[in-house]
Amino acid sequence: MTLGNIFSILKANTRGDAIFSKPEKIYLNNTNLNYCYCERQQIGTIRETFLISQLNNLYEFLYPKKGDLLVDNRHLIEVGGKNKNFKPVKNEGYLALDGLESGYGKKIPLYLFGFLY
């Protein structure tokens, strides 16, 4: 969900009272805003913000119990650097990796998502 043109909000993939233990995540709508409003940038947040900004017009997102994004309630994605492994998603999802030139298996270079916009 986009709130204005400033924030993207990911709702937790939970039901009932569990929402209180894992609330929503709030991201700035694009990476440029992160550089404008934040004193220190976290590379992990920049990567996740980029991915969300590229997919925001095409898909719905949830904040899952494991991994970084649940896209359309069926594709689990973990975002990270080129050395990230499948441990957080336990081989059930995809890795969107920064610093990777070409993909293989379920490892997708993060920059390729930029072509979807």
N, C-alpha and C. Protein backbone atom coordinates (compact mmCIF):
# COMPACT_ATOMS: atom_id res chain seq x y z
N MET A 1 0.85 -1.17 0.00
CA MET A 1 0.00 0.00 0.00
C MET A 1 0.89 1.23 0.00
N THR A 2 0.59 2.20 -0.87
CA THR A 2 1.34 3.44 -0.91
C THR A 2 0.52 4.52 -0.24
N LEU A 3 1.15 5.25 0.65
CA LEU A 3 0.50 6.33 1.37
C LEU A 3 1.03 7.63 0.80
N GLY A 4 0.19 8.30 -0.03
CA GLY A 4 0.67 9.47 -0.75
C GLY A 4 1.75 9.02 -1.71
N ASN A 5 2.76 9.84 -1.87
CA ASN A 5 3.90 9.44 -2.67
C ASN A 5 5.16 9.42 -1.83
N ILE A 6 5.01 9.30 -0.52
CA ILE A 6 6.14 9.33 0.39
C ILE A 6 6.44 7.95 0.98
N PHE A 7 5.42 7.22 1.41
CA PHE A 7 5.63 5.96 2.12
C PHE A 7 5.02 4.77 1.41
N SER A 8 5.65 3.61 1.61
CA SER A 8 5.08 2.32 1.24
C SER A 8 4.95 1.54 2.54
N ILE A 9 3.78 0.95 2.77
CA ILE A 9 3.52 0.25 4.02
C ILE A 9 3.28 -1.22 3.74
N LEU A 10 4.01 -2.08 4.44
CA LEU A 10 3.83 -3.52 4.32
C LEU A 10 3.08 -4.00 5.55
N LYS A 11 1.94 -4.62 5.32
CA LYS A 11 1.17 -5.18 6.43
C LYS A 11 1.72 -6.55 6.76
N ALA A 12 1.64 -6.92 8.02
CA ALA A 12 2.13 -8.21 8.46
C ALA A 12 1.22 -9.33 7.95
N ASN A 13 1.81 -10.46 7.64
CA ASN A 13 1.07 -11.63 7.17
C ASN A 13 0.65 -12.46 8.38
N THR A 14 -0.21 -11.89 9.23
CA THR A 14 -0.67 -12.56 10.44
C THR A 14 -2.16 -12.35 10.59
N ARG A 15 -2.72 -13.07 11.53
CA ARG A 15 -4.16 -12.95 11.82
C ARG A 15 -4.35 -12.80 13.32
N GLY A 16 -5.45 -12.20 13.68
CA GLY A 16 -5.82 -12.09 15.09
C GLY A 16 -4.86 -11.23 15.89
N ASP A 17 -4.54 -11.67 17.10
CA ASP A 17 -3.69 -10.91 18.02
C ASP A 17 -2.22 -10.90 17.62
N ALA A 18 -1.82 -11.75 16.71
CA ALA A 18 -0.41 -11.82 16.30
C ALA A 18 0.05 -10.52 15.65
N ILE A 19 -0.87 -9.71 15.17
CA ILE A 19 -0.50 -8.43 14.55
C ILE A 19 0.25 -7.53 15.53
N PHE A 20 0.01 -7.71 16.82
CA PHE A 20 0.67 -6.87 17.82
C PHE A 20 2.14 -7.25 18.02
N SER A 21 2.47 -8.50 17.76
CA SER A 21 3.86 -8.92 17.91
C SER A 21 4.68 -8.66 16.65
N LYS A 22 4.04 -8.50 15.51
CA LYS A 22 4.73 -8.22 14.26
C LYS A 22 3.93 -7.17 13.51
N PRO A 23 4.11 -5.89 13.84
CA PRO A 23 3.32 -4.83 13.20
C PRO A 23 3.79 -4.55 11.78
N GLU A 24 3.19 -3.56 11.17
CA GLU A 24 3.51 -3.19 9.80
C GLU A 24 4.94 -2.63 9.70
N LYS A 25 5.49 -2.69 8.49
CA LYS A 25 6.78 -2.08 8.19
C LYS A 25 6.51 -0.87 7.31
N ILE A 26 7.23 0.19 7.53
CA ILE A 26 7.07 1.40 6.74
C ILE A 26 8.38 1.69 6.02
N TYR A 27 8.29 1.87 4.70
CA TYR A 27 9.45 2.22 3.88
C TYR A 27 9.17 3.55 3.20
N LEU A 28 10.22 4.30 2.92
CA LEU A 28 10.05 5.46 2.06
C LEU A 28 9.77 4.94 0.66
N ASN A 29 9.09 5.73 -0.15
CA ASN A 29 8.60 5.27 -1.45
C ASN A 29 9.71 4.99 -2.47
N ASN A 30 10.85 5.66 -2.34
CA ASN A 30 11.97 5.34 -3.22
C ASN A 30 13.28 5.65 -2.52
N THR A 31 14.36 5.16 -3.07
CA THR A 31 15.66 5.28 -2.42
C THR A 31 16.15 6.72 -2.34
N ASN A 32 15.76 7.56 -3.27
CA ASN A 32 16.18 8.97 -3.23
C ASN A 32 15.66 9.66 -1.97
N LEU A 33 14.43 9.35 -1.58
CA LEU A 33 13.88 9.93 -0.36
C LEU A 33 14.66 9.48 0.86
N ASN A 34 15.14 8.25 0.85
CA ASN A 34 15.94 7.75 1.96
C ASN A 34 17.21 8.58 2.12
N TYR A 35 17.85 8.91 1.01
CA TYR A 35 19.07 9.71 1.08
C TYR A 35 18.77 11.15 1.51
N CYS A 36 17.58 11.64 1.23
CA CYS A 36 17.20 13.00 1.63
C CYS A 36 16.84 13.10 3.10
N TYR A 37 16.09 12.14 3.61
CA TYR A 37 15.52 12.26 4.95
C TYR A 37 16.31 11.55 6.06
N CYS A 38 17.19 10.64 5.71
CA CYS A 38 17.88 9.85 6.74
C CYS A 38 19.34 10.28 6.85
N GLU A 39 19.81 10.44 8.09
CA GLU A 39 21.20 10.81 8.31
C GLU A 39 22.14 9.71 7.86
N ARG A 40 21.83 8.48 8.27
CA ARG A 40 22.65 7.33 7.89
C ARG A 40 21.80 6.33 7.13
N GLN A 41 22.29 5.89 6.01
CA GLN A 41 21.56 4.92 5.21
C GLN A 41 22.02 3.51 5.55
N GLN A 42 21.06 2.61 5.69
CA GLN A 42 21.34 1.20 5.89
C GLN A 42 21.20 0.51 4.54
N ILE A 43 22.24 -0.18 4.09
CA ILE A 43 22.21 -0.78 2.76
C ILE A 43 21.07 -1.79 2.62
N GLY A 44 20.74 -2.51 3.68
CA GLY A 44 19.62 -3.45 3.62
C GLY A 44 18.30 -2.75 3.37
N THR A 45 18.10 -1.62 4.03
CA THR A 45 16.88 -0.84 3.83
C THR A 45 16.83 -0.26 2.42
N ILE A 46 17.95 0.20 1.91
CA ILE A 46 18.02 0.73 0.54
C ILE A 46 17.63 -0.37 -0.45
N ARG A 47 18.16 -1.55 -0.27
CA ARG A 47 17.85 -2.67 -1.17
C ARG A 47 16.36 -3.01 -1.14
N GLU A 48 15.79 -3.12 0.06
CA GLU A 48 14.37 -3.45 0.19
C GLU A 48 13.50 -2.34 -0.37
N THR A 49 13.87 -1.09 -0.12
CA THR A 49 13.13 0.05 -0.66
C THR A 49 13.13 0.01 -2.18
N PHE A 50 14.28 -0.28 -2.78
CA PHE A 50 14.37 -0.37 -4.23
C PHE A 50 13.44 -1.43 -4.78
N LEU A 51 13.49 -2.62 -4.20
CA LEU A 51 12.65 -3.73 -4.68
C LEU A 51 11.17 -3.38 -4.56
N ILE A 52 10.77 -2.85 -3.43
CA ILE A 52 9.36 -2.49 -3.23
C ILE A 52 8.93 -1.40 -4.21
N SER A 53 9.80 -0.41 -4.43
CA SER A 53 9.44 0.67 -5.35
C SER A 53 9.27 0.17 -6.79
N GLN A 54 10.01 -0.85 -7.17
CA GLN A 54 9.92 -1.37 -8.53
C GLN A 54 8.70 -2.27 -8.73
N LEU A 55 8.28 -2.96 -7.68
CA LEU A 55 7.15 -3.89 -7.78
C LEU A 55 5.82 -3.30 -7.32
N ASN A 56 5.86 -2.12 -6.73
CA ASN A 56 4.69 -1.54 -6.06
C ASN A 56 3.48 -1.36 -6.98
N ASN A 57 3.69 -1.03 -8.23
CA ASN A 57 2.57 -0.80 -9.15
C ASN A 57 1.99 -2.09 -9.71
N LEU A 58 2.69 -3.20 -9.54
CA LEU A 58 2.26 -4.46 -10.14
C LEU A 58 1.70 -5.47 -9.15
N TYR A 59 2.16 -5.42 -7.90
CA TYR A 59 1.84 -6.48 -6.95
C TYR A 59 1.45 -5.94 -5.59
N GLU A 60 0.84 -6.81 -4.79
CA GLU A 60 0.52 -6.53 -3.39
C GLU A 60 1.59 -7.21 -2.53
N PHE A 61 1.94 -6.59 -1.42
CA PHE A 61 2.97 -7.13 -0.55
C PHE A 61 2.45 -7.38 0.85
N LEU A 62 3.06 -8.34 1.52
CA LEU A 62 2.86 -8.57 2.94
C LEU A 62 4.24 -8.73 3.57
N TYR A 63 4.31 -8.46 4.86
CA TYR A 63 5.53 -8.65 5.63
C TYR A 63 5.44 -10.03 6.28
N PRO A 64 6.20 -11.02 5.78
CA PRO A 64 6.05 -12.40 6.26
C PRO A 64 6.81 -12.67 7.56
N LYS A 65 6.54 -13.83 8.15
CA LYS A 65 7.25 -14.24 9.36
C LYS A 65 8.72 -14.53 9.07
N LYS A 66 8.98 -15.09 7.89
CA LYS A 66 10.36 -15.33 7.47
C LYS A 66 10.55 -14.69 6.09
N GLY A 67 11.74 -14.20 5.82
CA GLY A 67 12.00 -13.50 4.58
C GLY A 67 11.65 -12.02 4.70
N ASP A 68 11.83 -11.30 3.61
CA ASP A 68 11.60 -9.85 3.60
C ASP A 68 10.25 -9.45 3.02
N LEU A 69 9.82 -10.13 1.96
CA LEU A 69 8.57 -9.79 1.29
C LEU A 69 7.80 -11.03 0.89
N LEU A 70 6.49 -10.94 0.99
CA LEU A 70 5.62 -11.97 0.44
C LEU A 70 4.81 -11.27 -0.65
N VAL A 71 5.09 -11.63 -1.90
CA VAL A 71 4.49 -10.96 -3.05
C VAL A 71 3.26 -11.74 -3.50
N ASP A 72 2.13 -11.04 -3.60
CA ASP A 72 0.86 -11.63 -4.00
C ASP A 72 0.50 -12.88 -3.21
N ASN A 73 0.91 -12.93 -1.98
CA ASN A 73 0.60 -14.01 -1.05
C ASN A 73 1.09 -15.38 -1.53
N ARG A 74 2.12 -15.39 -2.41
CA ARG A 74 2.62 -16.68 -2.90
C ARG A 74 4.12 -16.74 -3.16
N HIS A 75 4.79 -15.60 -3.38
CA HIS A 75 6.22 -15.61 -3.67
C HIS A 75 6.98 -14.96 -2.51
N LEU A 76 7.79 -15.75 -1.83
CA LEU A 76 8.59 -15.27 -0.71
C LEU A 76 9.94 -14.79 -1.25
N ILE A 77 10.33 -13.58 -0.88
CA ILE A 77 11.59 -13.00 -1.36
C ILE A 77 12.42 -12.53 -0.18
N GLU A 78 13.69 -12.88 -0.21
CA GLU A 78 14.69 -12.38 0.73
C GLU A 78 15.63 -11.49 -0.06
N VAL A 79 15.91 -10.31 0.45
CA VAL A 79 16.75 -9.33 -0.22
C VAL A 79 18.09 -9.25 0.50
N GLY A 80 19.18 -9.19 -0.26
CA GLY A 80 20.49 -9.10 0.38
C GLY A 80 21.61 -8.89 -0.60
N GLY A 81 22.83 -9.04 -0.10
CA GLY A 81 24.03 -8.93 -0.93
C GLY A 81 24.32 -10.25 -1.62
N LYS A 82 25.36 -10.26 -2.45
CA LYS A 82 25.62 -11.44 -3.28
C LYS A 82 25.97 -12.70 -2.49
N ASN A 83 26.37 -12.56 -1.23
CA ASN A 83 26.72 -13.73 -0.43
C ASN A 83 25.58 -14.23 0.46
N LYS A 84 24.40 -13.66 0.31
CA LYS A 84 23.23 -14.07 1.10
C LYS A 84 22.87 -15.51 0.75
N ASN A 85 22.43 -16.28 1.75
CA ASN A 85 22.04 -17.66 1.48
C ASN A 85 20.54 -17.85 1.71
N PHE A 86 20.07 -19.05 1.49
CA PHE A 86 18.64 -19.36 1.58
C PHE A 86 18.17 -19.64 3.00
N LYS A 87 19.03 -19.53 3.99
CA LYS A 87 18.66 -19.85 5.36
C LYS A 87 17.42 -19.11 5.85
N PRO A 88 17.27 -17.79 5.62
CA PRO A 88 16.07 -17.10 6.11
C PRO A 88 14.76 -17.58 5.47
N VAL A 89 14.82 -18.06 4.23
CA VAL A 89 13.60 -18.50 3.56
C VAL A 89 13.54 -20.02 3.40
N LYS A 90 14.55 -20.71 3.88
CA LYS A 90 14.59 -22.18 3.90
C LYS A 90 14.26 -22.81 2.55
N ASN A 91 14.88 -22.32 1.49
CA ASN A 91 14.71 -22.83 0.13
C ASN A 91 13.27 -22.76 -0.39
N GLU A 92 12.40 -22.03 0.29
CA GLU A 92 11.01 -21.92 -0.16
C GLU A 92 10.78 -20.70 -1.03
N GLY A 93 11.73 -19.79 -1.07
CA GLY A 93 11.52 -18.55 -1.79
C GLY A 93 12.67 -18.22 -2.73
N TYR A 94 12.72 -16.96 -3.06
CA TYR A 94 13.73 -16.43 -3.98
C TYR A 94 14.65 -15.47 -3.25
N LEU A 95 15.87 -15.33 -3.77
CA LEU A 95 16.80 -14.34 -3.26
C LEU A 95 16.94 -13.25 -4.31
N ALA A 96 16.72 -12.00 -3.92
CA ALA A 96 16.97 -10.84 -4.78
C ALA A 96 18.28 -10.25 -4.29
N LEU A 97 19.35 -10.42 -5.06
CA LEU A 97 20.69 -10.13 -4.57
C LEU A 97 21.35 -8.95 -5.27
N ASP A 98 21.89 -8.06 -4.48
CA ASP A 98 22.66 -6.92 -4.95
C ASP A 98 24.09 -7.38 -5.21
N GLY A 99 24.72 -6.88 -6.24
CA GLY A 99 26.10 -7.24 -6.54
C GLY A 99 26.24 -8.51 -7.35
N LEU A 100 25.14 -9.04 -7.82
CA LEU A 100 25.14 -10.26 -8.63
C LEU A 100 24.90 -9.85 -10.08
N GLU A 101 25.78 -10.29 -10.99
CA GLU A 101 25.64 -9.89 -12.39
C GLU A 101 24.62 -10.73 -13.14
N SER A 102 24.59 -12.01 -12.89
CA SER A 102 23.62 -12.87 -13.57
C SER A 102 23.01 -13.82 -12.55
N GLY A 103 21.78 -14.19 -12.80
CA GLY A 103 21.07 -15.05 -11.87
C GLY A 103 21.20 -16.51 -12.23
N TYR A 104 20.86 -17.34 -11.27
CA TYR A 104 20.83 -18.78 -11.48
C TYR A 104 19.95 -19.40 -10.41
N GLY A 105 19.20 -20.42 -10.79
CA GLY A 105 18.29 -21.05 -9.84
C GLY A 105 17.27 -20.04 -9.33
N LYS A 106 17.19 -19.91 -8.03
CA LYS A 106 16.26 -18.97 -7.41
C LYS A 106 16.96 -17.71 -6.94
N LYS A 107 18.16 -17.44 -7.47
CA LYS A 107 18.90 -16.22 -7.17
C LYS A 107 18.73 -15.25 -8.33
N ILE A 108 18.16 -14.08 -8.03
CA ILE A 108 17.86 -13.08 -9.04
C ILE A 108 18.64 -11.80 -8.74
N PRO A 109 19.38 -11.27 -9.72
CA PRO A 109 20.06 -9.99 -9.48
C PRO A 109 19.04 -8.88 -9.18
N LEU A 110 19.31 -8.11 -8.15
CA LEU A 110 18.38 -7.07 -7.72
C LEU A 110 18.13 -6.03 -8.81
N TYR A 111 19.17 -5.69 -9.58
CA TYR A 111 19.01 -4.65 -10.60
C TYR A 111 17.99 -5.04 -11.68
N LEU A 112 17.77 -6.33 -11.90
CA LEU A 112 16.81 -6.75 -12.93
C LEU A 112 15.39 -6.31 -12.62
N PHE A 113 15.06 -6.15 -11.34
CA PHE A 113 13.72 -5.68 -10.97
C PHE A 113 13.48 -4.25 -11.45
N GLY A 114 14.55 -3.50 -11.70
CA GLY A 114 14.43 -2.15 -12.21
C GLY A 114 13.85 -2.09 -13.61
N PHE A 115 13.95 -3.18 -14.37
CA PHE A 115 13.40 -3.22 -15.71
C PHE A 115 11.88 -3.42 -15.71
N LEU A 116 11.30 -3.74 -14.58
CA LEU A 116 9.84 -3.93 -14.49
C LEU A 116 9.08 -2.63 -14.37
N TYR A 117 9.74 -1.57 -13.94
CA TYR A 117 9.05 -0.32 -13.64
C TYR A 117 8.53 0.34 -14.88
